Amino acid sequence: MPSGQLFTRGLAVAWLSVIVLIPLAAVVARSTEDGLGAFWTSVTNPQAVAALKLTLLVSVVVVLVNAVTGTLIAWVLVRDDFRGKSVVNSIIDLPFALPTIVAGLTLLALYGSKSPVGINVAYTQVAVLLALLFVTLPFVVRAVQPVLLELDRDMEEAAASLGAGGLTTFRRIIFPNLVPALLAGTALGFARSVGEFGSIVLISGNIPFDTEVASVFIFGQIETDNVTGAAAVSVVLLAISVLLLTGIAALGRWGAKHER
């Protein structure tokens, strides 16, 4: 291996270790510093279990909604021409650029007790769902959009010439090509939902056993100086994220094989 390539690879690994691997290893070590028994007690605490269940349940609902609406939005942006299309295309990325605490404040102003539209869902599980839908909106759209742009339209035209309807063409030709990107986008959205904090902390009310999600529970444990317990629940979220990233990598390999 050339020395230059060896150096750049070593530098990349060292930087990754300092920024990602070592901090994560520190969290795992902190979570078990009182023993595995204390770790298990922390993650099976009823309040922690309730927070984890709510986080996973709402994240699954968010994924299902995003899979449909994200694909629809991507389709409209690619296949339809209308005035203001570039503006809509830019707005899609707004949740990426907007600080999440600002997103939470915006949602609280819109759907709180002084809602200008007369909808008050603050401090409910619906509010948690709305916040997560807001911050995860771009993932499916931006994953599916490039695939639609590169899709060969000749196949669709050939199917139409043979008498296939729009729904049949979508189901048999378009959708199979979208599946890898759709799954990758929903997985990334799910990972974001699981770890989201800023947009939820204001509008959810953080009510234990009701609207408290895992990230807010972890923050509460740190505030009460139970850092080890917070680290233990963080490791559970970390494990979920690792599984998701592994799945995304597998989907990428499957998608590449599918294209060949």
C-alpha atoms as a PDB file:
ATOM      1  CA  MET A   1       0.000   0.000   0.000  1.00  0.00           C
ATOM      2  CA  PRO A   2       1.447   3.459  -0.918  1.00  0.00           C
ATOM      3  CA  SER A   3       2.600   5.478   2.085  1.00  0.00           C
ATOM      4  CA  GLY A   4       0.323   8.404   1.168  1.00  0.00           C
ATOM      5  CA  GLN A   5      -2.747   6.165   1.094  1.00  0.00           C
ATOM      6  CA  LEU A   6      -1.710   4.546   4.379  1.00  0.00           C
ATOM      7  CA  PHE A   7      -1.312   7.972   5.995  1.00  0.00           C
ATOM      8  CA  THR A   8      -4.713   9.288   4.855  1.00  0.00           C
ATOM      9  CA  ARG A   9      -6.440   6.084   5.926  1.00  0.00           C
ATOM     10  CA  GLY A  10      -4.777   6.203   9.342  1.00  0.00           C
ATOM     11  CA  LEU A  11      -5.712   9.874   9.723  1.00  0.00           C
ATOM     12  CA  ALA A  12      -9.338   9.124   8.864  1.00  0.00           C
ATOM     13  CA  VAL A  13      -9.507   6.277  11.376  1.00  0.00           C
ATOM     14  CA  ALA A  14      -7.842   8.398  14.078  1.00  0.00           C
ATOM     15  CA  TRP A  15     -10.265  11.283  13.519  1.00  0.00           C
ATOM     16  CA  LEU A  16     -13.248   8.934  13.540  1.00  0.00           C
ATOM     17  CA  SER A  17     -12.002   7.397  16.768  1.00  0.00           C
ATOM     18  CA  VAL A  18     -11.557  10.756  18.509  1.00  0.00           C
ATOM     19  CA  ILE A  19     -14.869  12.209  17.366  1.00  0.00           C
ATOM     20  CA  VAL A  20     -17.141   9.128  17.447  1.00  0.00           C
ATOM     21  CA  LEU A  21     -15.728   5.846  18.734  1.00  0.00           C
ATOM     22  CA  ILE A  22     -14.001   6.998  21.930  1.00  0.00           C
ATOM     23  CA  PRO A  23     -16.975   9.089  23.174  1.00  0.00           C
ATOM     24  CA  LEU A  24     -19.356   6.198  22.477  1.00  0.00           C
ATOM     25  CA  ALA A  25     -17.041   3.783  24.265  1.00  0.00           C
ATOM     26  CA  ALA A  26     -16.971   6.199  27.224  1.00  0.00           C
ATOM     27  CA  VAL A  27     -20.780   6.196  27.396  1.00  0.00           C
ATOM     28  CA  VAL A  28     -20.889   2.384  27.319  1.00  0.00           C
ATOM     29  CA  ALA A  29     -18.226   2.194  30.024  1.00  0.00           C
ATOM     30  CA  ARG A  30     -20.080   4.734  32.188  1.00  0.00           C
ATOM     31  CA  SER A  31     -23.327   2.800  31.861  1.00  0.00           C
ATOM     32  CA  THR A  32     -21.764  -0.327  33.389  1.00  0.00           C
ATOM     33  CA  GLU A  33     -19.465   1.219  35.979  1.00  0.00           C
ATOM     34  CA  ASP A  34     -21.809   0.103  38.787  1.00  0.00           C
ATOM     35  CA  GLY A  35     -22.111  -3.398  37.330  1.00  0.00           C
ATOM     36  CA  LEU A  36     -24.484  -5.120  34.940  1.00  0.00           C
ATOM     37  CA  GLY A  37     -27.094  -5.401  37.668  1.00  0.00           C
ATOM     38  CA  ALA A  38     -27.279  -1.626  38.035  1.00  0.00           C
ATOM     39  CA  PHE A  39     -27.373  -1.302  34.249  1.00  0.00           C
ATOM     40  CA  TRP A  40     -30.321  -3.665  34.030  1.00  0.00           C
ATOM     41  CA  THR A  41     -32.105  -1.879  36.865  1.00  0.00           C
ATOM     42  CA  SER A  42     -31.729   1.442  35.047  1.00  0.00           C
ATOM     43  CA  VAL A  43     -33.043   0.247  31.705  1.00  0.00           C
ATOM     44  CA  THR A  44     -35.947  -1.693  33.256  1.00  0.00           C
ATOM     45  CA  ASN A  45     -37.043   1.209  35.429  1.00  0.00           C
ATOM     46  CA  PRO A  46     -40.798   1.581  34.715  1.00  0.00           C
ATOM     47  CA  GLN A  47     -40.401   5.223  33.750  1.00  0.00           C
ATOM     48  CA  ALA A  48     -37.503   4.392  31.419  1.00  0.00           C
ATOM     49  CA  VAL A  49     -39.460   1.528  29.836  1.00  0.00           C
ATOM     50  CA  ALA A  50     -42.485   3.785  29.309  1.00  0.00           C
ATOM     51  CA  ALA A  51     -40.273   6.436  27.678  1.00  0.00           C
ATOM     52  CA  LEU A  52     -38.607   3.869  25.413  1.00  0.00           C
ATOM     53  CA  LYS A  53     -41.953   2.346  24.417  1.00  0.00           C
ATOM     54  CA  LEU A  54     -43.418   5.744  23.546  1.00  0.00           C
ATOM     55  CA  THR A  55     -40.303   6.664  21.573  1.00  0.00           C
ATOM     56  CA  LEU A  56     -40.358   3.477  19.521  1.00  0.00           C
ATOM     57  CA  LEU A  57     -44.136   3.476  18.999  1.00  0.00           C
ATOM     58  CA  VAL A  58     -44.309   7.085  17.807  1.00  0.00           C
ATOM     59  CA  SER A  59     -41.202   6.584  15.649  1.00  0.00           C
ATOM     60  CA  VAL A  60     -42.853   3.635  13.896  1.00  0.00           C
ATOM     61  CA  VAL A  61     -45.977   5.731  13.192  1.00  0.00           C
ATOM     62  CA  VAL A  62     -43.765   8.546  11.887  1.00  0.00           C
ATOM     63  CA  VAL A  63     -41.988   6.103   9.568  1.00  0.00           C
ATOM     64  CA  LEU A  64     -45.276   4.828   8.139  1.00  0.00           C
ATOM     65  CA  VAL A  65     -46.616   8.341   7.537  1.00  0.00           C
ATOM     66  CA  ASN A  66     -43.333   9.531   6.024  1.00  0.00           C
ATOM     67  CA  ALA A  67     -43.142   6.533   3.699  1.00  0.00           C
ATOM     68  CA  VAL A  68     -46.421   7.566   2.074  1.00  0.00           C
ATOM     69  CA  THR A  69     -46.287  11.359   2.238  1.00  0.00           C
ATOM     70  CA  GLY A  70     -42.541  11.559   1.508  1.00  0.00           C
ATOM     71  CA  THR A  71     -42.922   9.461  -1.630  1.00  0.00           C
ATOM     72  CA  LEU A  72     -45.922  11.539  -2.707  1.00  0.00           C
ATOM     73  CA  ILE A  73     -44.037  14.831  -2.212  1.00  0.00           C
ATOM     74  CA  ALA A  74     -41.006  13.502  -4.093  1.00  0.00           C
ATOM     75  CA  TRP A  75     -43.280  12.404  -6.936  1.00  0.00           C
ATOM     76  CA  VAL A  76     -44.918  15.836  -7.185  1.00  0.00           C
ATOM     77  CA  LEU A  77     -41.541  17.616  -7.142  1.00  0.00           C
ATOM     78  CA  VAL A  78     -40.148  15.394  -9.904  1.00  0.00           C
ATOM     79  CA  ARG A  79     -43.119  14.684 -12.154  1.00  0.00           C
ATOM     80  CA  ASP A  80     -45.235  17.849 -11.851  1.00  0.00           C
ATOM     81  CA  ASP A  81     -44.504  21.408 -12.976  1.00  0.00           C
ATOM     82  CA  PHE A  82     -46.163  24.257 -11.106  1.00  0.00           C
ATOM     83  CA  ARG A  83     -45.496  27.821 -10.053  1.00  0.00           C
ATOM     84  CA  GLY A  84     -43.402  28.015  -6.886  1.00  0.00           C
ATOM     85  CA  LYS A  85     -41.923  24.553  -7.307  1.00  0.00           C
ATOM     86  CA  SER A  86     -38.410  25.763  -6.459  1.00  0.00           C
ATOM     87  CA  VAL A  87     -39.711  27.385  -3.276  1.00  0.00           C
ATOM     88  CA  VAL A  88     -41.418  24.168  -2.191  1.00  0.00           C
ATOM     89  CA  ASN A  89     -38.269  22.233  -3.007  1.00  0.00           C
ATOM     90  CA  SER A  90     -36.267  24.540  -0.727  1.00  0.00           C
ATOM     91  CA  ILE A  91     -38.807  24.364   2.099  1.00  0.00           C
ATOM     92  CA  ILE A  92     -38.376  20.580   2.244  1.00  0.00           C
ATOM     93  CA  ASP A  93     -34.877  21.082   3.668  1.00  0.00           C
ATOM     94  CA  LEU A  94     -35.994  23.614   6.285  1.00  0.00           C
ATOM     95  CA  PRO A  95     -36.177  21.043   9.124  1.00  0.00           C
ATOM     96  CA  PHE A  96     -32.496  20.262   8.436  1.00  0.00           C
ATOM     97  CA  ALA A  97     -31.442  23.905   8.749  1.00  0.00           C
ATOM     98  CA  LEU A  98     -33.772  25.058  11.526  1.00  0.00           C
ATOM     99  CA  PRO A  99     -32.524  24.556  15.118  1.00  0.00           C
ATOM    100  CA  THR A 100     -34.755  21.912  16.632  1.00  0.00           C
ATOM    101  CA  ILE A 101     -35.550  24.003  19.700  1.00  0.00           C
ATOM    102  CA  VAL A 102     -36.872  26.687  17.338  1.00  0.00           C
ATOM    103  CA  ALA A 103     -38.968  24.024  15.619  1.00  0.00           C
ATOM    104  CA  GLY A 104     -40.415  23.054  18.990  1.00  0.00           C
ATOM    105  CA  LEU A 105     -41.199  26.677  19.823  1.00  0.00           C
ATOM    106  CA  THR A 106     -42.842  27.146  16.425  1.00  0.00           C
ATOM    107  CA  LEU A 107     -45.025  24.069  16.872  1.00  0.00           C
ATOM    108  CA  LEU A 108     -45.949  25.167  20.399  1.00  0.00           C
ATOM    109  CA  ALA A 109     -47.028  28.580  19.092  1.00  0.00           C
ATOM    110  CA  LEU A 110     -49.094  26.960  16.340  1.00  0.00           C
ATOM    111  CA  TYR A 111     -50.615  24.044  18.256  1.00  0.00           C
ATOM    112  CA  GLY A 112     -50.478  25.273  21.862  1.00  0.00           C
ATOM    113  CA  SER A 113     -53.061  26.902  24.122  1.00  0.00           C
ATOM    114  CA  LYS A 114     -52.911  30.156  22.115  1.00  0.00           C
ATOM    115  CA  SER A 115     -53.076  28.463  18.729  1.00  0.00           C
ATOM    116  CA  PRO A 116     -54.061  30.866  15.934  1.00  0.00           C
ATOM    117  CA  VAL A 117     -55.762  27.959  14.130  1.00  0.00           C
ATOM    118  CA  GLY A 118     -57.718  26.776  17.160  1.00  0.00           C
ATOM    119  CA  ILE A 119     -55.883  23.461  17.527  1.00  0.00           C
ATOM    120  CA  ASN A 120     -54.430  22.761  20.968  1.00  0.00           C
ATOM    121  CA  VAL A 121     -52.561  19.451  21.188  1.00  0.00           C
ATOM    122  CA  ALA A 122     -49.685  20.654  23.370  1.00  0.00           C
ATOM    123  CA  TYR A 123     -48.524  18.235  26.057  1.00  0.00           C
ATOM    124  CA  THR A 124     -50.100  15.242  24.346  1.00  0.00           C
ATOM    125  CA  GLN A 125     -48.711  12.299  22.396  1.00  0.00           C
ATOM    126  CA  VAL A 126     -50.138  13.885  19.244  1.00  0.00           C
ATOM    127  CA  ALA A 127     -47.770  16.804  19.842  1.00  0.00           C
ATOM    128  CA  VAL A 128     -44.838  14.393  20.003  1.00  0.00           C
ATOM    129  CA  LEU A 129     -45.963  12.865  16.717  1.00  0.00           C
ATOM    130  CA  LEU A 130     -46.268  16.261  15.011  1.00  0.00           C
ATOM    131  CA  ALA A 131     -42.814  17.333  16.193  1.00  0.00           C
ATOM    132  CA  LEU A 132     -41.192  14.159  14.888  1.00  0.00           C
ATOM    133  CA  LEU A 133     -43.052  14.376  11.580  1.00  0.00           C
ATOM    134  CA  PHE A 134     -41.725  17.903  11.175  1.00  0.00           C
ATOM    135  CA  VAL A 135     -38.049  17.108  11.795  1.00  0.00           C
ATOM    136  CA  THR A 136     -38.036  13.879   9.746  1.00  0.00           C
ATOM    137  CA  LEU A 137     -39.940  15.188   6.709  1.00  0.00           C
ATOM    138  CA  PRO A 138     -36.900  15.548   4.384  1.00  0.00           C
ATOM    139  CA  PHE A 139     -35.439  12.060   4.796  1.00  0.00           C
ATOM    140  CA  VAL A 140     -37.780  10.064   2.552  1.00  0.00           C
ATOM    141  CA  VAL A 141     -38.242  12.941   0.107  1.00  0.00           C
ATOM    142  CA  ARG A 142     -34.519  13.406  -0.444  1.00  0.00           C
ATOM    143  CA  ALA A 143     -33.904   9.661  -0.647  1.00  0.00           C
ATOM    144  CA  VAL A 144     -36.644   8.960  -3.202  1.00  0.00           C
ATOM    145  CA  GLN A 145     -36.322  12.118  -5.307  1.00  0.00           C
ATOM    146  CA  PRO A 146     -32.979  11.256  -7.008  1.00  0.00           C
ATOM    147  CA  VAL A 147     -34.241   7.786  -7.915  1.00  0.00           C
ATOM    148  CA  LEU A 148     -37.330   9.240  -9.566  1.00  0.00           C
ATOM    149  CA  LEU A 149     -35.146  11.709 -11.468  1.00  0.00           C
ATOM    150  CA  GLU A 150     -32.955   8.919 -12.836  1.00  0.00           C
ATOM    151  CA  LEU A 151     -35.757   6.455 -13.529  1.00  0.00           C
ATOM    152  CA  ASP A 152     -36.000   5.367 -17.145  1.00  0.00           C
ATOM    153  CA  ARG A 153     -39.299   6.736 -18.447  1.00  0.00           C
ATOM    154  CA  ASP A 154     -39.146   4.453 -21.501  1.00  0.00           C
ATOM    155  CA  MET A 155     -40.240   1.490 -19.378  1.00  0.00           C
ATOM    156  CA  GLU A 156     -43.311   3.380 -18.225  1.00  0.00           C
ATOM    157  CA  GLU A 157     -44.158   4.395 -21.770  1.00  0.00           C
ATOM    158  CA  ALA A 158     -43.733   0.809 -22.957  1.00  0.00           C
ATOM    159  CA  ALA A 159     -46.041  -0.436 -20.189  1.00  0.00           C
ATOM    160  CA  ALA A 160     -48.623   2.189 -21.112  1.00  0.00           C
ATOM    161  CA  SER A 161     -48.438   1.203 -24.783  1.00  0.00           C
ATOM    162  CA  LEU A 162     -49.175  -2.384 -23.771  1.00  0.00           C
ATOM    163  CA  GLY A 163     -52.322  -1.283 -21.959  1.00  0.00           C
ATOM    164  CA  ALA A 164     -51.067  -1.070 -18.371  1.00  0.00           C
ATOM    165  CA  GLY A 165     -52.867   1.484 -16.223  1.00  0.00           C
ATOM    166  CA  GLY A 166     -51.147   4.065 -14.067  1.00  0.00           C
ATOM    167  CA  LEU A 167     -51.520   2.041 -10.873  1.00  0.00           C
ATOM    168  CA  THR A 168     -50.222  -1.137 -12.506  1.00  0.00           C
ATOM    169  CA  THR A 169     -47.235   0.723 -13.955  1.00  0.00           C
ATOM    170  CA  PHE A 170     -46.414   2.216 -10.570  1.00  0.00           C
ATOM    171  CA  ARG A 171     -46.790  -1.104  -8.737  1.00  0.00           C
ATOM    172  CA  ARG A 172     -44.785  -3.236 -11.168  1.00  0.00           C
ATOM    173  CA  ILE A 173     -42.208  -0.851 -12.618  1.00  0.00           C
ATOM    174  CA  ILE A 174     -41.749   2.286 -10.522  1.00  0.00           C
ATOM    175  CA  PHE A 175     -42.222   1.037  -6.969  1.00  0.00           C
ATOM    176  CA  PRO A 176     -39.670  -1.833  -7.142  1.00  0.00           C
ATOM    177  CA  ASN A 177     -37.024   0.718  -8.156  1.00  0.00           C
ATOM    178  CA  LEU A 178     -38.001   3.013  -5.282  1.00  0.00           C
ATOM    179  CA  VAL A 179     -37.933   0.369  -2.559  1.00  0.00           C
ATOM    180  CA  PRO A 180     -34.196   0.559  -1.649  1.00  0.00           C
ATOM    181  CA  ALA A 181     -34.255   4.368  -1.423  1.00  0.00           C
ATOM    182  CA  LEU A 182     -37.603   4.348   0.379  1.00  0.00           C
ATOM    183  CA  LEU A 183     -36.387   1.901   2.998  1.00  0.00           C
ATOM    184  CA  ALA A 184     -33.133   3.793   3.493  1.00  0.00           C
ATOM    185  CA  GLY A 185     -34.984   7.095   3.904  1.00  0.00           C
ATOM    186  CA  THR A 186     -37.479   5.681   6.380  1.00  0.00           C
ATOM    187  CA  ALA A 187     -34.679   4.038   8.365  1.00  0.00           C
ATOM    188  CA  LEU A 188     -32.824   7.346   8.626  1.00  0.00           C
ATOM    189  CA  GLY A 189     -36.043   9.059   9.657  1.00  0.00           C
ATOM    190  CA  PHE A 190     -36.638   6.411  12.304  1.00  0.00           C
ATOM    191  CA  ALA A 191     -33.109   6.876  13.671  1.00  0.00           C
ATOM    192  CA  ARG A 192     -33.679  10.638  13.871  1.00  0.00           C
ATOM    193  CA  SER A 193     -37.024  10.123  15.629  1.00  0.00           C
ATOM    194  CA  VAL A 194     -35.508   7.825  18.233  1.00  0.00           C
ATOM    195  CA  GLY A 195     -32.884  10.391  19.248  1.00  0.00           C
ATOM    196  CA  GLU A 196     -34.812  13.644  18.780  1.00  0.00           C
ATOM    197  CA  PHE A 197     -34.817  16.061  21.723  1.00  0.00           C
ATOM    198  CA  GLY A 198     -35.014  19.760  20.854  1.00  0.00           C
ATOM    199  CA  SER A 199     -38.311  19.834  18.972  1.00  0.00           C
ATOM    200  CA  ILE A 200     -40.043  17.670  21.590  1.00  0.00           C
ATOM    201  CA  VAL A 201     -38.891  19.101  24.891  1.00  0.00           C
ATOM    202  CA  LEU A 202     -41.188  22.149  24.747  1.00  0.00           C
ATOM    203  CA  ILE A 203     -44.367  20.873  23.109  1.00  0.00           C
ATOM    204  CA  SER A 204     -44.583  17.447  24.790  1.00  0.00           C
ATOM    205  CA  GLY A 205     -44.739  18.667  28.389  1.00  0.00           C
ATOM    206  CA  ASN A 206     -42.447  15.763  29.355  1.00  0.00           C
ATOM    207  CA  ILE A 207     -45.111  14.029  31.424  1.00  0.00           C
ATOM    208  CA  PRO A 208     -43.778  10.704  32.827  1.00  0.00           C
ATOM    209  CA  PHE A 209     -45.644   7.618  31.565  1.00  0.00           C
ATOM    210  CA  ASP A 210     -47.508   9.786  29.059  1.00  0.00           C
ATOM    211  CA  THR A 211     -45.533  12.177  26.822  1.00  0.00           C
ATOM    212  CA  GLU A 212     -41.962  11.693  28.041  1.00  0.00           C
ATOM    213  CA  VAL A 213     -39.697  10.268  25.315  1.00  0.00           C
ATOM    214  CA  ALA A 214     -36.383   8.527  25.877  1.00  0.00           C
ATOM    215  CA  SER A 215     -34.144  11.494  25.059  1.00  0.00           C
ATOM    216  CA  VAL A 216     -36.011  13.742  27.514  1.00  0.00           C
ATOM    217  CA  PHE A 217     -35.909  10.998  30.153  1.00  0.00           C
ATOM    218  CA  ILE A 218     -32.129  10.824  29.722  1.00  0.00           C
ATOM    219  CA  PHE A 219     -31.865  14.577  30.150  1.00  0.00           C
ATOM    220  CA  GLY A 220     -33.941  14.367  33.321  1.00  0.00           C
ATOM    221  CA  GLN A 221     -31.668  11.684  34.743  1.00  0.00           C
ATOM    222  CA  ILE A 222     -28.634  13.879  34.140  1.00  0.00           C
ATOM    223  CA  GLU A 223     -30.368  16.794  35.859  1.00  0.00           C
ATOM    224  CA  THR A 224     -30.936  14.603  38.927  1.00  0.00           C
ATOM    225  CA  ASP A 225     -27.257  13.568  38.870  1.00  0.00           C
ATOM    226  CA  ASN A 226     -28.012   9.989  37.819  1.00  0.00           C
ATOM    227  CA  VAL A 227     -25.462  10.027  35.022  1.00  0.00           C
ATOM    228  CA  THR A 228     -24.955   6.266  35.106  1.00  0.00           C
ATOM    229  CA  GLY A 229     -28.671   5.630  34.639  1.00  0.00           C
ATOM    230  CA  ALA A 230     -28.788   8.168  31.821  1.00  0.00           C
ATOM    231  CA  ALA A 231     -25.839   6.437  30.168  1.00  0.00           C
ATOM    232  CA  ALA A 232     -27.565   3.055  30.453  1.00  0.00           C
ATOM    233  CA  VAL A 233     -30.686   4.238  28.623  1.00  0.00           C
ATOM    234  CA  SER A 234     -28.434   6.026  26.113  1.00  0.00           C
ATOM    235  CA  VAL A 235     -26.744   2.699  25.358  1.00  0.00           C
ATOM    236  CA  VAL A 236     -30.145   1.185  24.570  1.00  0.00           C
ATOM    237  CA  LEU A 237     -30.792   3.984  22.054  1.00  0.00           C
ATOM    238  CA  LEU A 238     -27.262   3.537  20.737  1.00  0.00           C
ATOM    239  CA  ALA A 239     -27.893  -0.158  20.169  1.00  0.00           C
ATOM    240  CA  ILE A 240     -31.084   0.621  18.271  1.00  0.00           C
ATOM    241  CA  SER A 241     -29.209   3.141  16.107  1.00  0.00           C
ATOM    242  CA  VAL A 242     -26.423   0.662  15.358  1.00  0.00           C
ATOM    243  CA  LEU A 243     -28.966  -1.930  14.264  1.00  0.00           C
ATOM    244  CA  LEU A 244     -30.608   0.643  12.007  1.00  0.00           C
ATOM    245  CA  LEU A 245     -27.304   1.706  10.462  1.00  0.00           C
ATOM    246  CA  THR A 246     -26.432  -1.937   9.860  1.00  0.00           C
ATOM    247  CA  GLY A 247     -29.761  -2.386   8.157  1.00  0.00           C
ATOM    248  CA  ILE A 248     -29.175   0.710   6.024  1.00  0.00           C
ATOM    249  CA  ALA A 249     -25.793  -0.646   4.915  1.00  0.00           C
ATOM    250  CA  ALA A 250     -27.426  -3.957   3.994  1.00  0.00           C
ATOM    251  CA  LEU A 251     -30.107  -2.096   2.049  1.00  0.00           C
ATOM    252  CA  GLY A 252     -27.409  -0.199   0.183  1.00  0.00           C
ATOM    253  CA  ARG A 253     -25.710  -3.417  -0.851  1.00  0.00           C
ATOM    254  CA  TRP A 254     -29.043  -4.925  -1.857  1.00  0.00           C
ATOM    255  CA  GLY A 255     -29.892  -1.828  -3.870  1.00  0.00           C
ATOM    256  CA  ALA A 256     -26.564  -1.943  -5.704  1.00  0.00           C
ATOM    257  CA  LYS A 257     -27.114  -5.618  -6.519  1.00  0.00           C
ATOM    258  CA  HIS A 258     -30.657  -4.823  -7.672  1.00  0.00           C
ATOM    259  CA  GLU A 259     -29.384  -2.148 -10.054  1.00  0.00           C
ATOM    260  CA  ARG A 260     -26.944  -4.600 -11.613  1.00  0.00           C
END
